[in-house]
C-alpha atoms as a PDB file:
ATOM      1  CA  MET A   1     -27.932  61.062  49.697  1.00  0.00           C
ATOM      2  CA  LYS A   2     -24.605  59.670  50.851  1.00  0.00           C
ATOM      3  CA  LYS A   3     -25.783  56.087  50.133  1.00  0.00           C
ATOM      4  CA  LEU A   4     -26.887  57.100  46.635  1.00  0.00           C
ATOM      5  CA  LEU A   5     -23.469  58.612  45.913  1.00  0.00           C
ATOM      6  CA  ILE A   6     -21.722  55.411  47.072  1.00  0.00           C
ATOM      7  CA  LEU A   7     -24.095  53.315  44.943  1.00  0.00           C
ATOM      8  CA  LEU A   8     -23.377  55.474  41.874  1.00  0.00           C
ATOM      9  CA  CYS A   9     -19.598  55.156  42.434  1.00  0.00           C
ATOM     10  CA  VAL A  10     -19.838  51.371  42.731  1.00  0.00           C
ATOM     11  CA  LEU A  11     -22.024  51.201  39.620  1.00  0.00           C
ATOM     12  CA  ALA A  12     -19.564  53.382  37.675  1.00  0.00           C
ATOM     13  CA  MET A  13     -16.673  51.117  38.687  1.00  0.00           C
ATOM     14  CA  LEU A  14     -18.567  47.982  37.695  1.00  0.00           C
ATOM     15  CA  LEU A  15     -19.425  49.424  34.296  1.00  0.00           C
ATOM     16  CA  SER A  16     -15.821  50.435  33.627  1.00  0.00           C
ATOM     17  CA  LEU A  17     -14.293  47.072  34.650  1.00  0.00           C
ATOM     18  CA  PRO A  18     -15.495  45.046  31.621  1.00  0.00           C
ATOM     19  CA  GLY A  19     -13.514  47.408  29.362  1.00  0.00           C
ATOM     20  CA  VAL A  20     -10.389  46.787  31.413  1.00  0.00           C
ATOM     21  CA  ALA A  21     -10.968  43.050  31.681  1.00  0.00           C
ATOM     22  CA  SER A  22     -11.502  42.707  27.940  1.00  0.00           C
ATOM     23  CA  ALA A  23      -8.158  44.223  26.950  1.00  0.00           C
ATOM     24  CA  SER A  24      -7.242  42.902  23.532  1.00  0.00           C
ATOM     25  CA  PRO A  25      -4.930  39.893  23.337  1.00  0.00           C
ATOM     26  CA  PRO A  26      -1.704  40.104  21.345  1.00  0.00           C
ATOM     27  CA  GLU A  27      -2.335  40.589  17.637  1.00  0.00           C
ATOM     28  CA  PRO A  28      -1.859  37.501  15.436  1.00  0.00           C
ATOM     29  CA  GLY A  29       0.496  38.019  12.542  1.00  0.00           C
ATOM     30  CA  GLN A  30       2.376  36.201   9.855  1.00  0.00           C
ATOM     31  CA  PHE A  31       5.426  37.110   7.840  1.00  0.00           C
ATOM     32  CA  THR A  32       7.382  35.246   5.203  1.00  0.00           C
ATOM     33  CA  ILE A  33      11.088  35.335   4.495  1.00  0.00           C
ATOM     34  CA  THR A  34      12.266  34.438   1.009  1.00  0.00           C
ATOM     35  CA  GLY A  35      16.011  34.240   0.853  1.00  0.00           C
ATOM     36  CA  TYR A  36      19.260  32.648  -0.077  1.00  0.00           C
ATOM     37  CA  THR A  37      22.322  31.401   1.775  1.00  0.00           C
ATOM     38  CA  THR A  38      25.199  33.874   1.559  1.00  0.00           C
ATOM     39  CA  SER A  39      27.835  31.716   3.287  1.00  0.00           C
ATOM     40  CA  TYR A  40      27.986  28.141   4.553  1.00  0.00           C
ATOM     41  CA  ASP A  41      30.708  26.531   6.656  1.00  0.00           C
ATOM     42  CA  TRP A  42      30.665  23.010   8.044  1.00  0.00           C
ATOM     43  CA  GLU A  43      32.837  20.672  10.051  1.00  0.00           C
ATOM     44  CA  PRO A  44      32.520  16.898  10.542  1.00  0.00           C
ATOM     45  CA  LEU A  45      32.267  15.837  14.171  1.00  0.00           C
ATOM     46  CA  PRO A  46      33.767  12.638  15.680  1.00  0.00           C
ATOM     47  CA  SER A  47      30.185  11.384  16.183  1.00  0.00           C
ATOM     48  CA  GLY A  48      29.645  11.304  12.412  1.00  0.00           C
ATOM     49  CA  LEU A  49      27.325  14.316  12.546  1.00  0.00           C
ATOM     50  CA  THR A  50      28.131  17.628  10.859  1.00  0.00           C
ATOM     51  CA  LYS A  51      28.290  20.989  12.615  1.00  0.00           C
ATOM     52  CA  PHE A  52      27.311  23.940  10.416  1.00  0.00           C
ATOM     53  CA  HIS A  53      27.210  27.743  10.425  1.00  0.00           C
ATOM     54  CA  LEU A  54      25.532  29.820   7.750  1.00  0.00           C
ATOM     55  CA  THR A  55      24.384  33.317   6.949  1.00  0.00           C
ATOM     56  CA  ALA A  56      21.446  34.258   4.767  1.00  0.00           C
ATOM     57  CA  ALA A  57      19.640  37.314   3.401  1.00  0.00           C
ATOM     58  CA  GLY A  58      16.494  38.150   1.487  1.00  0.00           C
ATOM     59  CA  LEU A  59      13.063  39.755   1.513  1.00  0.00           C
ATOM     60  CA  VAL A  60      10.337  39.861   4.168  1.00  0.00           C
ATOM     61  CA  THR A  61       6.620  40.202   3.373  1.00  0.00           C
ATOM     62  CA  GLY A  62       3.483  40.151   5.507  1.00  0.00           C
ATOM     63  CA  TYR A  63       3.310  41.514   9.058  1.00  0.00           C
ATOM     64  CA  PHE A  64       6.756  43.020   8.433  1.00  0.00           C
ATOM     65  CA  ALA A  65       7.854  44.262   5.013  1.00  0.00           C
ATOM     66  CA  GLY A  66      11.473  44.825   4.161  1.00  0.00           C
ATOM     67  CA  THR A  67      14.657  42.768   4.212  1.00  0.00           C
ATOM     68  CA  PHE A  68      16.273  40.299   6.585  1.00  0.00           C
ATOM     69  CA  THR A  69      19.634  38.802   7.447  1.00  0.00           C
ATOM     70  CA  PHE A  70      20.288  35.897   9.760  1.00  0.00           C
ATOM     71  CA  GLU A  71      23.059  33.828  11.199  1.00  0.00           C
ATOM     72  CA  GLU A  72      22.362  30.181  11.990  1.00  0.00           C
ATOM     73  CA  TRP A  73      24.217  27.340  13.726  1.00  0.00           C
ATOM     74  CA  GLY A  74      23.317  23.682  13.983  1.00  0.00           C
ATOM     75  CA  ILE A  75      24.166  20.017  13.929  1.00  0.00           C
ATOM     76  CA  VAL A  76      22.814  17.668  11.279  1.00  0.00           C
ATOM     77  CA  ASP A  77      23.099  13.985  10.340  1.00  0.00           C
ATOM     78  CA  LEU A  78      24.305  14.651   6.808  1.00  0.00           C
ATOM     79  CA  ASN A  79      27.686  14.431   5.124  1.00  0.00           C
ATOM     80  CA  PRO A  80      27.896  17.490   2.818  1.00  0.00           C
ATOM     81  CA  ILE A  81      30.361  15.717   0.492  1.00  0.00           C
ATOM     82  CA  THR A  82      28.646  12.352   0.018  1.00  0.00           C
ATOM     83  CA  GLY A  83      25.054  13.381   0.809  1.00  0.00           C
ATOM     84  CA  GLU A  84      24.790  10.403   3.170  1.00  0.00           C
ATOM     85  CA  GLY A  85      22.758  10.635   6.360  1.00  0.00           C
ATOM     86  CA  SER A  86      19.163  11.162   7.431  1.00  0.00           C
ATOM     87  CA  GLY A  87      19.316  14.947   7.149  1.00  0.00           C
ATOM     88  CA  ARG A  88      17.760  15.290  10.595  1.00  0.00           C
ATOM     89  CA  GLY A  89      19.203  17.881  12.901  1.00  0.00           C
ATOM     90  CA  THR A  90      18.712  20.950  15.035  1.00  0.00           C
ATOM     91  CA  ASN A  91      19.331  24.625  14.406  1.00  0.00           C
ATOM     92  CA  HIS A  92      19.271  27.955  16.199  1.00  0.00           C
ATOM     93  CA  GLY A  93      20.021  31.486  15.147  1.00  0.00           C
ATOM     94  CA  LEU A  94      19.504  35.217  15.255  1.00  0.00           C
ATOM     95  CA  MET A  95      17.583  37.169  12.628  1.00  0.00           C
ATOM     96  CA  THR A  96      17.357  40.905  11.958  1.00  0.00           C
ATOM     97  CA  VAL A  97      14.347  42.188  10.014  1.00  0.00           C
ATOM     98  CA  THR A  98      14.805  45.704   8.619  1.00  0.00           C
ATOM     99  CA  THR A  99      11.718  47.756   7.722  1.00  0.00           C
ATOM    100  CA  ASP A 100      11.159  51.438   6.914  1.00  0.00           C
ATOM    101  CA  ALA A 101      10.021  51.840  10.551  1.00  0.00           C
ATOM    102  CA  GLY A 102      13.058  50.239  12.249  1.00  0.00           C
ATOM    103  CA  GLU A 103      14.584  46.865  12.972  1.00  0.00           C
ATOM    104  CA  VAL A 104      13.253  43.748  14.710  1.00  0.00           C
ATOM    105  CA  PHE A 105      15.675  41.283  16.313  1.00  0.00           C
ATOM    106  CA  THR A 106      14.528  37.690  16.797  1.00  0.00           C
ATOM    107  CA  ARG A 107      15.926  34.418  18.083  1.00  0.00           C
ATOM    108  CA  PHE A 108      14.824  31.150  16.482  1.00  0.00           C
ATOM    109  CA  GLY A 109      15.449  27.482  17.066  1.00  0.00           C
ATOM    110  CA  GLY A 110      14.101  24.248  15.743  1.00  0.00           C
ATOM    111  CA  GLN A 111      14.677  21.175  13.655  1.00  0.00           C
ATOM    112  CA  THR A 112      15.336  20.102  10.095  1.00  0.00           C
ATOM    113  CA  ASP A 113      15.068  16.954   8.027  1.00  0.00           C
ATOM    114  CA  SER A 114      17.204  18.487   5.210  1.00  0.00           C
ATOM    115  CA  GLN A 115      14.076  19.271   3.164  1.00  0.00           C
ATOM    116  CA  THR A 116      12.047  21.269   5.694  1.00  0.00           C
ATOM    117  CA  VAL A 117      12.666  23.379   8.785  1.00  0.00           C
ATOM    118  CA  TRP A 118      10.309  24.053  11.711  1.00  0.00           C
ATOM    119  CA  GLY A 119      10.523  25.488  15.178  1.00  0.00           C
ATOM    120  CA  ASN A 120       9.855  28.500  17.404  1.00  0.00           C
ATOM    121  CA  PHE A 121      10.884  32.136  17.406  1.00  0.00           C
ATOM    122  CA  THR A 122      10.878  35.006  19.911  1.00  0.00           C
ATOM    123  CA  VAL A 123      11.132  38.738  19.267  1.00  0.00           C
ATOM    124  CA  LEU A 124      14.027  39.946  21.429  1.00  0.00           C
ATOM    125  CA  HIS A 125      13.727  43.720  20.847  1.00  0.00           C
ATOM    126  CA  GLY A 126      13.433  46.342  18.158  1.00  0.00           C
ATOM    127  CA  THR A 127      14.335  49.862  17.126  1.00  0.00           C
ATOM    128  CA  GLY A 128      12.335  52.814  15.834  1.00  0.00           C
ATOM    129  CA  ASP A 129       8.610  52.082  15.681  1.00  0.00           C
ATOM    130  CA  HIS A 130       9.393  48.503  16.763  1.00  0.00           C
ATOM    131  CA  LYS A 131      11.273  49.471  19.946  1.00  0.00           C
ATOM    132  CA  ASP A 132       8.534  48.154  22.272  1.00  0.00           C
ATOM    133  CA  LEU A 133       7.582  45.144  20.144  1.00  0.00           C
ATOM    134  CA  HIS A 134       7.388  41.704  21.750  1.00  0.00           C
ATOM    135  CA  GLY A 135       6.166  38.454  20.286  1.00  0.00           C
ATOM    136  CA  GLN A 136       6.647  34.774  19.736  1.00  0.00           C
ATOM    137  CA  GLY A 137       5.416  31.999  17.534  1.00  0.00           C
ATOM    138  CA  THR A 138       6.351  29.169  15.207  1.00  0.00           C
ATOM    139  CA  TYR A 139       7.967  28.838  11.814  1.00  0.00           C
ATOM    140  CA  THR A 140       7.977  26.276   9.017  1.00  0.00           C
ATOM    141  CA  GLY A 141       9.409  26.187   5.530  1.00  0.00           C
ATOM    142  CA  ASN A 142      11.816  24.547   3.146  1.00  0.00           C
ATOM    143  CA  ALA A 143      15.513  24.010   3.795  1.00  0.00           C
ATOM    144  CA  GLY A 144      18.193  24.670   1.205  1.00  0.00           C
ATOM    145  CA  LEU A 145      20.395  27.285  -0.367  1.00  0.00           C
ATOM    146  CA  VAL A 146      17.248  29.107  -1.566  1.00  0.00           C
ATOM    147  CA  PHE A 147      14.333  28.972   0.863  1.00  0.00           C
ATOM    148  CA  LEU A 148      10.931  30.273   1.924  1.00  0.00           C
ATOM    149  CA  VAL A 149       9.951  30.190   5.611  1.00  0.00           C
ATOM    150  CA  VAL A 150       6.639  31.332   7.128  1.00  0.00           C
ATOM    151  CA  PHE A 151       6.622  32.739  10.679  1.00  0.00           C
ATOM    152  CA  THR A 152       3.267  32.786  12.497  1.00  0.00           C
ATOM    153  CA  GLY A 153       2.897  34.365  15.924  1.00  0.00           C
ATOM    154  CA  ARG A 154       1.385  36.972  18.191  1.00  0.00           C
ATOM    155  CA  PHE A 155       2.853  40.445  18.515  1.00  0.00           C
ATOM    156  CA  HIS A 156       2.252  43.257  20.976  1.00  0.00           C
ATOM    157  CA  SER A 157       3.894  46.480  22.075  1.00  0.00           C
ATOM    158  CA  LYS A 158       4.632  47.185  25.710  1.00  0.00           C
ATOM    159  CA  PRO A 159       6.602  50.267  26.713  1.00  0.00           C
END
């Protein structure tokens, strides 16, 4: 009888393990920001490159729905007065997405060629229903005073 009980316990554990081992991976998601530049400052560098800082705002649709603001810094091979240069450069920034359920704070960084932007993003933390949200992914879109950028990644909540 004792051996049967041990066998049943082992069998029960084996049957329950596939459910644990097959825990779902982070959920894929995509959101789009459509926005406009609200301020833009630049400074020529001795190297001939241009350092810039900008802020932007607009709407978010997709995995998140609401509004966003971001602040971005970068260096680009482009003279804002003459338009000369390749337009290639790097950028990084912080974005806040505001939804009815709370806020999501992300960090992003990537590259530009003055017509497009692309790079990576990471969810830093959130508030409200998003307080335990984590995630990361990539982004791509158009560069300019008015823009549309698509963020694609995987999101999960961990307390």
